């Protein structure tokens, strides 16, 4: 993402005057968001590779491995399951 992209998106989001006053902090924020998104994509890519490996095995997937995989794909899954159980 270029500096111009960041400025355009910030203005579209309503940061017009703020962007003029604080361009560097907003650019830094955009870089942090982009890095966090990249890290999440890498985590999911790793989990998908692990899933493909597990699915390619001749034996059934052990329950613990399957649970680990599901939690890697969706970190909120354990708390969502617990919340459903508390209803």
PDB file of N, CA and C in Angstrom:
ATOM      1  N   UNK A   1       0.850  -1.167   0.000  1.00  0.00           N
ATOM      2  CA  UNK A   1       0.000   0.000   0.000  1.00  0.00           C
ATOM      3  C   UNK A   1       0.899   1.235   0.000  1.00  0.00           C
ATOM      4  N   UNK A   2       0.613   2.127  -0.907  1.00  0.00           N
ATOM      5  CA  UNK A   2       1.437   3.330  -1.013  1.00  0.00           C
ATOM      6  C   UNK A   2       0.953   4.410  -0.047  1.00  0.00           C
ATOM      7  N   UNK A   3       1.784   5.435   0.113  1.00  0.00           N
ATOM      8  CA  UNK A   3       1.414   6.564   0.975  1.00  0.00           C
ATOM      9  C   UNK A   3       0.137   7.218   0.451  1.00  0.00           C
ATOM     10  N   UNK A   4       0.033   7.349  -0.866  1.00  0.00           N
ATOM     11  CA  UNK A   4      -1.166   7.948  -1.455  1.00  0.00           C
ATOM     12  C   UNK A   4      -2.406   7.106  -1.172  1.00  0.00           C
ATOM     13  N   UNK A   5      -2.260   5.770  -1.200  1.00  0.00           N
ATOM     14  CA  UNK A   5      -3.383   4.886  -0.868  1.00  0.00           C
ATOM     15  C   UNK A   5      -3.837   5.122   0.572  1.00  0.00           C
ATOM     16  N   UNK A   6      -2.878   5.221   1.475  1.00  0.00           N
ATOM     17  CA  UNK A   6      -3.194   5.433   2.889  1.00  0.00           C
ATOM     18  C   UNK A   6      -3.926   6.759   3.076  1.00  0.00           C
ATOM     19  N   UNK A   7      -3.432   7.798   2.433  1.00  0.00           N
ATOM     20  CA  UNK A   7      -4.057   9.114   2.550  1.00  0.00           C
ATOM     21  C   UNK A   7      -5.467   9.076   1.966  1.00  0.00           C
ATOM     22  N   UNK A   8      -5.634   8.459   0.805  1.00  0.00           N
ATOM     23  CA  UNK A   8      -6.949   8.370   0.172  1.00  0.00           C
ATOM     24  C   UNK A   8      -7.931   7.615   1.067  1.00  0.00           C
ATOM     25  N   UNK A   9      -7.505   6.479   1.620  1.00  0.00           N
ATOM     26  CA  UNK A   9      -8.384   5.688   2.485  1.00  0.00           C
ATOM     27  C   UNK A   9      -8.716   6.440   3.777  1.00  0.00           C
ATOM     28  N   UNK A  10      -7.736   7.127   4.337  1.00  0.00           N
ATOM     29  CA  UNK A  10      -7.983   7.899   5.563  1.00  0.00           C
ATOM     30  C   UNK A  10      -9.003   8.996   5.291  1.00  0.00           C
ATOM     31  N   UNK A  11      -8.889   9.663   4.162  1.00  0.00           N
ATOM     32  CA  UNK A  11      -9.855  10.716   3.834  1.00  0.00           C
ATOM     33  C   UNK A  11     -11.235  10.126   3.572  1.00  0.00           C
ATOM     34  N   UNK A  12     -11.293   8.967   2.913  1.00  0.00           N
ATOM     35  CA  UNK A  12     -12.577   8.297   2.691  1.00  0.00           C
ATOM     36  C   UNK A  12     -13.228   7.908   4.016  1.00  0.00           C
ATOM     37  N   UNK A  13     -12.405   7.585   5.008  1.00  0.00           N
ATOM     38  CA  UNK A  13     -12.918   7.193   6.326  1.00  0.00           C
ATOM     39  C   UNK A  13     -13.289   8.403   7.186  1.00  0.00           C
ATOM     40  N   UNK A  14     -13.057   9.614   6.685  1.00  0.00           N
ATOM     41  CA  UNK A  14     -13.440  10.802   7.427  1.00  0.00           C
ATOM     42  C   UNK A  14     -12.324  11.448   8.227  1.00  0.00           C
ATOM     43  N   UNK A  15     -11.087  11.077   7.948  1.00  0.00           N
ATOM     44  CA  UNK A  15      -9.958  11.637   8.675  1.00  0.00           C
ATOM     45  C   UNK A  15      -9.376  12.863   7.966  1.00  0.00           C
ATOM     46  N   UNK A  16     -10.162  13.559   7.179  1.00  0.00           N
ATOM     47  CA  UNK A  16      -9.673  14.673   6.370  1.00  0.00           C
ATOM     48  C   UNK A  16      -8.750  15.624   7.094  1.00  0.00           C
ATOM     49  N   UNK A  17      -9.279  16.391   8.059  1.00  0.00           N
ATOM     50  CA  UNK A  17      -8.466  17.383   8.779  1.00  0.00           C
ATOM     51  C   UNK A  17      -7.425  16.708   9.662  1.00  0.00           C
ATOM     52  N   UNK A  18      -7.802  15.585  10.252  1.00  0.00           N
ATOM     53  CA  UNK A  18      -6.865  14.854  11.101  1.00  0.00           C
ATOM     54  C   UNK A  18      -5.686  14.352  10.269  1.00  0.00           C
ATOM     55  N   UNK A  19      -5.972  13.917   9.039  1.00  0.00           N
ATOM     56  CA  UNK A  19      -4.906  13.433   8.158  1.00  0.00           C
ATOM     57  C   UNK A  19      -3.936  14.564   7.847  1.00  0.00           C
ATOM     58  N   UNK A  20      -4.480  15.772   7.679  1.00  0.00           N
ATOM     59  CA  UNK A  20      -3.600  16.918   7.401  1.00  0.00           C
ATOM     60  C   UNK A  20      -2.732  17.245   8.611  1.00  0.00           C
ATOM     61  N   UNK A  21      -3.295  17.074   9.824  1.00  0.00           N
ATOM     62  CA  UNK A  21      -2.567  17.421  11.043  1.00  0.00           C
ATOM     63  C   UNK A  21      -1.615  16.320  11.496  1.00  0.00           C
ATOM     64  N   UNK A  22      -2.024  15.042  11.319  1.00  0.00           N
ATOM     65  CA  UNK A  22      -1.236  13.917  11.829  1.00  0.00           C
ATOM     66  C   UNK A  22      -0.973  12.861  10.768  1.00  0.00           C
ATOM     67  N   UNK A  23      -0.337  13.186   9.682  1.00  0.00           N
ATOM     68  CA  UNK A  23      -0.160  12.179   8.629  1.00  0.00           C
ATOM     69  C   UNK A  23       0.743  11.020   9.047  1.00  0.00           C
ATOM     70  N   UNK A  24       1.798  11.294   9.780  1.00  0.00           N
ATOM     71  CA  UNK A  24       2.735  10.219  10.130  1.00  0.00           C
ATOM     72  C   UNK A  24       2.136   9.200  11.099  1.00  0.00           C
ATOM     73  N   UNK A  25       1.429   9.611  12.178  1.00  0.00           N
ATOM     74  CA  UNK A  25       0.804   8.600  13.034  1.00  0.00           C
ATOM     75  C   UNK A  25      -0.233   7.760  12.297  1.00  0.00           C
ATOM     76  N   UNK A  26      -0.994   8.377  11.402  1.00  0.00           N
ATOM     77  CA  UNK A  26      -1.985   7.601  10.657  1.00  0.00           C
ATOM     78  C   UNK A  26      -1.309   6.637   9.677  1.00  0.00           C
ATOM     79  N   UNK A  27      -0.229   7.062   9.074  1.00  0.00           N
ATOM     80  CA  UNK A  27       0.523   6.154   8.203  1.00  0.00           C
ATOM     81  C   UNK A  27       1.089   4.986   9.013  1.00  0.00           C
ATOM     82  N   UNK A  28       1.599   5.278  10.176  1.00  0.00           N
ATOM     83  CA  UNK A  28       2.139   4.232  11.055  1.00  0.00           C
ATOM     84  C   UNK A  28       1.032   3.273  11.463  1.00  0.00           C
ATOM     85  N   UNK A  29      -0.137   3.806  11.803  1.00  0.00           N
ATOM     86  CA  UNK A  29      -1.281   2.969  12.156  1.00  0.00           C
ATOM     87  C   UNK A  29      -1.654   2.061  10.991  1.00  0.00           C
ATOM     88  N   UNK A  30      -1.699   2.613   9.790  1.00  0.00           N
ATOM     89  CA  UNK A  30      -2.023   1.811   8.604  1.00  0.00           C
ATOM     90  C   UNK A  30      -0.994   0.701   8.406  1.00  0.00           C
ATOM     91  N   UNK A  31       0.269   0.998   8.645  1.00  0.00           N
ATOM     92  CA  UNK A  31       1.315  -0.023   8.509  1.00  0.00           C
ATOM     93  C   UNK A  31       1.141  -1.120   9.554  1.00  0.00           C
ATOM     94  N   UNK A  32       0.773  -0.738  10.785  1.00  0.00           N
ATOM     95  CA  UNK A  32       0.542  -1.732  11.833  1.00  0.00           C
ATOM     96  C   UNK A  32      -0.652  -2.624  11.510  1.00  0.00           C
ATOM     97  N   UNK A  33      -1.715  -2.033  10.984  1.00  0.00           N
ATOM     98  CA  UNK A  33      -2.894  -2.816  10.597  1.00  0.00           C
ATOM     99  C   UNK A  33      -2.525  -3.778   9.476  1.00  0.00           C
ATOM    100  N   UNK A  34      -1.789  -3.303   8.493  1.00  0.00           N
ATOM    101  CA  UNK A  34      -1.376  -4.158   7.383  1.00  0.00           C
ATOM    102  C   UNK A  34      -0.490  -5.305   7.867  1.00  0.00           C
ATOM    103  N   UNK A  35       0.410  -5.022   8.794  1.00  0.00           N
ATOM    104  CA  UNK A  35       1.284  -6.069   9.329  1.00  0.00           C
ATOM    105  C   UNK A  35       0.481  -7.099  10.123  1.00  0.00           C
ATOM    106  N   UNK A  36      -0.475  -6.637  10.906  1.00  0.00           N
ATOM    107  CA  UNK A  36      -1.319  -7.571  11.672  1.00  0.00           C
ATOM    108  C   UNK A  36      -2.131  -8.445  10.734  1.00  0.00           C
ATOM    109  N   UNK A  37      -2.646  -7.855   9.668  1.00  0.00           N
ATOM    110  CA  UNK A  37      -3.409  -8.634   8.686  1.00  0.00           C
ATOM    111  C   UNK A  37      -2.510  -9.667   8.009  1.00  0.00           C
ATOM    112  N   UNK A  38      -1.290  -9.282   7.686  1.00  0.00           N
ATOM    113  CA  UNK A  38      -0.343 -10.205   7.066  1.00  0.00           C
ATOM    114  C   UNK A  38      -0.028 -11.361   8.004  1.00  0.00           C
ATOM    115  N   UNK A  39       0.169 -11.060   9.295  1.00  0.00           N
ATOM    116  CA  UNK A  39       0.452 -12.116  10.275  1.00  0.00           C
ATOM    117  C   UNK A  39      -0.718 -13.082  10.384  1.00  0.00           C
ATOM    118  N   UNK A  40      -1.935 -12.559  10.374  1.00  0.00           N
ATOM    119  CA  UNK A  40      -3.122 -13.418  10.449  1.00  0.00           C
ATOM    120  C   UNK A  40      -3.228 -14.297   9.206  1.00  0.00           C
ATOM    121  N   UNK A  41      -2.937 -13.741   8.047  1.00  0.00           N
ATOM    122  CA  UNK A  41      -2.954 -14.532   6.814  1.00  0.00           C
ATOM    123  C   UNK A  41      -1.906 -15.641   6.873  1.00  0.00           C
ATOM    124  N   UNK A  42      -0.734 -15.345   7.383  1.00  0.00           N
ATOM    125  CA  UNK A  42       0.315 -16.361   7.515  1.00  0.00           C
ATOM    126  C   UNK A  42      -0.112 -17.459   8.487  1.00  0.00           C
ATOM    127  N   UNK A  43      -0.761 -17.073   9.596  1.00  0.00           N
ATOM    128  CA  UNK A  43      -1.225 -18.056  10.569  1.00  0.00           C
ATOM    129  C   UNK A  43      -2.254 -18.979   9.938  1.00  0.00           C
ATOM    130  N   UNK A  44      -3.193 -18.402   9.201  1.00  0.00           N
ATOM    131  CA  UNK A  44      -4.216 -19.216   8.547  1.00  0.00           C
ATOM    132  C   UNK A  44      -3.613 -20.100   7.456  1.00  0.00           C
ATOM    133  N   UNK A  45      -2.632 -19.569   6.732  1.00  0.00           N
ATOM    134  CA  UNK A  45      -1.975 -20.360   5.691  1.00  0.00           C
ATOM    135  C   UNK A  45      -1.277 -21.565   6.321  1.00  0.00           C
ATOM    136  N   UNK A  46      -0.618 -21.345   7.449  1.00  0.00           N
ATOM    137  CA  UNK A  46       0.045 -22.439   8.150  1.00  0.00           C
ATOM    138  C   UNK A  46      -0.985 -23.473   8.620  1.00  0.00           C
ATOM    139  N   UNK A  47      -2.106 -23.006   9.171  1.00  0.00           N
ATOM    140  CA  UNK A  47      -3.155 -23.924   9.633  1.00  0.00           C
ATOM    141  C   UNK A  47      -3.732 -24.716   8.475  1.00  0.00           C
ATOM    142  N   UNK A  48      -3.889 -24.091   7.326  1.00  0.00           N
ATOM    143  CA  UNK A  48      -4.414 -24.811   6.157  1.00  0.00           C
ATOM    144  C   UNK A  48      -3.416 -25.854   5.665  1.00  0.00           C
ATOM    145  N   UNK A  49      -2.134 -25.517   5.693  1.00  0.00           N
ATOM    146  CA  UNK A  49      -1.114 -26.508   5.307  1.00  0.00           C
ATOM    147  C   UNK A  49      -1.159 -27.704   6.251  1.00  0.00           C
ATOM    148  N   UNK A  50      -1.307 -27.422   7.545  1.00  0.00           N
ATOM    149  CA  UNK A  50      -1.395 -28.489   8.532  1.00  0.00           C
ATOM    150  C   UNK A  50      -2.649 -29.336   8.280  1.00  0.00           C
ATOM    151  N   UNK A  51      -3.738 -28.684   7.931  1.00  0.00           N
ATOM    152  CA  UNK A  51      -4.981 -29.410   7.635  1.00  0.00           C
ATOM    153  C   UNK A  51      -4.791 -30.322   6.428  1.00  0.00           C
ATOM    154  N   UNK A  52      -4.159 -29.800   5.400  1.00  0.00           N
ATOM    155  CA  UNK A  52      -3.929 -30.612   4.209  1.00  0.00           C
ATOM    156  C   UNK A  52      -3.042 -31.809   4.533  1.00  0.00           C
ATOM    157  N   UNK A  53      -2.048 -31.601   5.390  1.00  0.00           N
ATOM    158  CA  UNK A  53      -1.188 -32.703   5.801  1.00  0.00           C
ATOM    159  C   UNK A  53      -1.988 -33.749   6.567  1.00  0.00           C
ATOM    160  N   UNK A  54      -2.809 -33.287   7.530  1.00  0.00           N
ATOM    161  CA  UNK A  54      -3.598 -34.219   8.332  1.00  0.00           C
ATOM    162  C   UNK A  54      -4.606 -34.985   7.477  1.00  0.00           C
ATOM    163  N   UNK A  55      -5.198 -34.315   6.525  1.00  0.00           N
ATOM    164  CA  UNK A  55      -6.199 -34.968   5.675  1.00  0.00           C
ATOM    165  C   UNK A  55      -5.565 -35.957   4.709  1.00  0.00           C
ATOM    166  N   UNK A  56      -4.275 -35.826   4.465  1.00  0.00           N
ATOM    167  CA  UNK A  56      -3.582 -36.705   3.526  1.00  0.00           C
ATOM    168  C   UNK A  56      -3.058 -37.971   4.206  1.00  0.00           C
ATOM    169  N   UNK A  57      -3.278 -38.116   5.509  1.00  0.00           N
ATOM    170  CA  UNK A  57      -2.775 -39.273   6.240  1.00  0.00           C
ATOM    171  C   UNK A  57      -3.696 -40.481   6.034  1.00  0.00           C
ATOM    172  N   UNK A  58      -3.111 -41.699   6.008  1.00  0.00           N
ATOM    173  CA  UNK A  58      -3.938 -42.894   5.801  1.00  0.00           C
ATOM    174  C   UNK A  58      -4.813 -43.235   7.004  1.00  0.00           C
ATOM    175  N   UNK A  59      -4.410 -42.803   8.199  1.00  0.00           N
ATOM    176  CA  UNK A  59      -5.179 -43.090   9.415  1.00  0.00           C
ATOM    177  C   UNK A  59      -6.145 -41.946   9.701  1.00  0.00           C
ATOM    178  N   UNK A  60      -7.234 -42.204  10.428  1.00  0.00           N
ATOM    179  CA  UNK A  60      -8.140 -41.111  10.800  1.00  0.00           C
ATOM    180  C   UNK A  60      -7.408 -40.058  11.628  1.00  0.00           C
ATOM    181  N   UNK A  61      -7.876 -38.843  11.535  1.00  0.00           N
ATOM    182  CA  UNK A  61      -7.275 -37.732  12.280  1.00  0.00           C
ATOM    183  C   UNK A  61      -7.616 -37.893  13.760  1.00  0.00           C
ATOM    184  N   UNK A  62      -6.601 -37.908  14.644  1.00  0.00           N
ATOM    185  CA  UNK A  62      -6.893 -37.975  16.082  1.00  0.00           C
ATOM    186  C   UNK A  62      -7.710 -36.766  16.524  1.00  0.00           C
ATOM    187  N   UNK A  63      -8.572 -36.983  17.501  1.00  0.00           N
ATOM    188  CA  UNK A  63      -9.446 -35.916  17.983  1.00  0.00           C
ATOM    189  C   UNK A  63      -8.648 -34.686  18.420  1.00  0.00           C
ATOM    190  N   UNK A  64      -7.557 -34.893  19.152  1.00  0.00           N
ATOM    191  CA  UNK A  64      -6.760 -33.760  19.652  1.00  0.00           C
ATOM    192  C   UNK A  64      -6.180 -32.950  18.490  1.00  0.00           C
ATOM    193  N   UNK A  65      -5.718 -33.638  17.459  1.00  0.00           N
ATOM    194  CA  UNK A  65      -5.153 -32.937  16.299  1.00  0.00           C
ATOM    195  C   UNK A  65      -6.239 -32.149  15.572  1.00  0.00           C
ATOM    196  N   UNK A  66      -7.412 -32.743  15.454  1.00  0.00           N
ATOM    197  CA  UNK A  66      -8.519 -32.063  14.788  1.00  0.00           C
ATOM    198  C   UNK A  66      -8.949 -30.833  15.587  1.00  0.00           C
ATOM    199  N   UNK A  67      -9.029 -30.970  16.910  1.00  0.00           N
ATOM    200  CA  UNK A  67      -9.390 -29.836  17.765  1.00  0.00           C
ATOM    201  C   UNK A  67      -8.360 -28.718  17.642  1.00  0.00           C
ATOM    202  N   UNK A  68      -7.093 -29.091  17.622  1.00  0.00           N
ATOM    203  CA  UNK A  68      -6.020 -28.105  17.486  1.00  0.00           C
ATOM    204  C   UNK A  68      -6.155 -27.359  16.160  1.00  0.00           C
ATOM    205  N   UNK A  69      -6.454 -28.106  15.107  1.00  0.00           N
ATOM    206  CA  UNK A  69      -6.605 -27.503  13.795  1.00  0.00           C
ATOM    207  C   UNK A  69      -7.775 -26.526  13.777  1.00  0.00           C
ATOM    208  N   UNK A  70      -8.919 -26.936  14.308  1.00  0.00           N
ATOM    209  CA  UNK A  70     -10.082 -26.048  14.341  1.00  0.00           C
ATOM    210  C   UNK A  70      -9.784 -24.778  15.119  1.00  0.00           C
ATOM    211  N   UNK A  71      -9.089 -24.902  16.232  1.00  0.00           N
ATOM    212  CA  UNK A  71      -8.758 -23.732  17.046  1.00  0.00           C
ATOM    213  C   UNK A  71      -7.747 -22.832  16.340  1.00  0.00           C
ATOM    214  N   UNK A  72      -6.867 -23.432  15.537  1.00  0.00           N
ATOM    215  CA  UNK A  72      -5.913 -22.617  14.777  1.00  0.00           C
ATOM    216  C   UNK A  72      -6.638 -21.818  13.702  1.00  0.00           C
ATOM    217  N   UNK A  73      -7.653 -22.421  13.100  1.00  0.00           N
ATOM    218  CA  UNK A  73      -8.407 -21.721  12.066  1.00  0.00           C
ATOM    219  C   UNK A  73      -9.312 -20.650  12.660  1.00  0.00           C
ATOM    220  N   UNK A  74      -9.837 -20.909  13.856  1.00  0.00           N
ATOM    221  CA  UNK A  74     -10.737 -19.943  14.499  1.00  0.00           C
ATOM    222  C   UNK A  74     -10.420 -19.903  15.990  1.00  0.00           C
ATOM    223  N   UNK A  75      -9.544 -18.970  16.426  1.00  0.00           N
ATOM    224  CA  UNK A  75      -9.138 -18.905  17.831  1.00  0.00           C
ATOM    225  C   UNK A  75     -10.303 -18.665  18.802  1.00  0.00           C
ATOM    226  N   UNK A  76     -11.421 -18.131  18.311  1.00  0.00           N
ATOM    227  CA  UNK A  76     -12.568 -17.872  19.173  1.00  0.00           C
ATOM    228  C   UNK A  76     -13.453 -19.100  19.349  1.00  0.00           C
ATOM    229  N   UNK A  77     -13.131 -20.182  18.671  1.00  0.00           N
ATOM    230  CA  UNK A  77     -13.981 -21.363  18.713  1.00  0.00           C
ATOM    231  C   UNK A  77     -14.159 -21.936  20.120  1.00  0.00           C
ATOM    232  N   UNK A  78     -13.099 -22.129  20.915  1.00  0.00           N
ATOM    233  CA  UNK A  78     -13.308 -22.696  22.256  1.00  0.00           C
ATOM    234  C   UNK A  78     -14.264 -21.869  23.109  1.00  0.00           C
ATOM    235  N   UNK A  79     -14.115 -20.545  23.103  1.00  0.00           N
ATOM    236  CA  UNK A  79     -15.014 -19.726  23.918  1.00  0.00           C
ATOM    237  C   UNK A  79     -16.431 -19.744  23.356  1.00  0.00           C
ATOM    238  N   UNK A  80     -16.571 -19.840  22.034  1.00  0.00           N
ATOM    239  CA  UNK A  80     -17.915 -19.925  21.427  1.00  0.00           C
ATOM    240  C   UNK A  80     -18.597 -21.233  21.839  1.00  0.00           C
ATOM    241  N   UNK A  81     -17.845 -22.324  21.861  1.00  0.00           N
ATOM    242  CA  UNK A  81     -18.399 -23.610  22.273  1.00  0.00           C
ATOM    243  C   UNK A  81     -18.811 -23.567  23.743  1.00  0.00           C
ATOM    244  N   UNK A  82     -17.937 -22.987  24.588  1.00  0.00           N
ATOM    245  CA  UNK A  82     -18.271 -22.874  26.007  1.00  0.00           C
ATOM    246  C   UNK A  82     -19.508 -22.007  26.222  1.00  0.00           C
ATOM    247  N   UNK A  83     -19.610 -20.925  25.451  1.00  0.00           N
ATOM    248  CA  UNK A  83     -20.765 -20.026  25.583  1.00  0.00           C
ATOM    249  C   UNK A  83     -22.053 -20.738  25.194  1.00  0.00           C
ATOM    250  N   UNK A  84     -22.006 -21.562  24.161  1.00  0.00           N
ATOM    251  CA  UNK A  84     -23.197 -22.326  23.773  1.00  0.00           C
ATOM    252  C   UNK A  84     -23.593 -23.301  24.860  1.00  0.00           C
ATOM    253  N   UNK A  85     -22.600 -23.891  25.519  1.00  0.00           N
ATOM    254  CA  UNK A  85     -22.877 -24.852  26.584  1.00  0.00           C
ATOM    255  C   UNK A  85     -23.483 -24.198  27.816  1.00  0.00           C
ATOM    256  N   UNK A  86     -23.261 -22.904  27.987  1.00  0.00           N
ATOM    257  CA  UNK A  86     -23.778 -22.184  29.153  1.00  0.00           C
ATOM    258  C   UNK A  86     -25.190 -21.646  28.932  1.00  0.00           C
ATOM    259  N   UNK A  87     -25.760 -21.850  27.741  1.00  0.00           N
ATOM    260  CA  UNK A  87     -27.118 -21.331  27.476  1.00  0.00           C
ATOM    261  C   UNK A  87     -28.154 -22.188  28.129  1.00  0.00           C
TER     262      UNK A  87
END
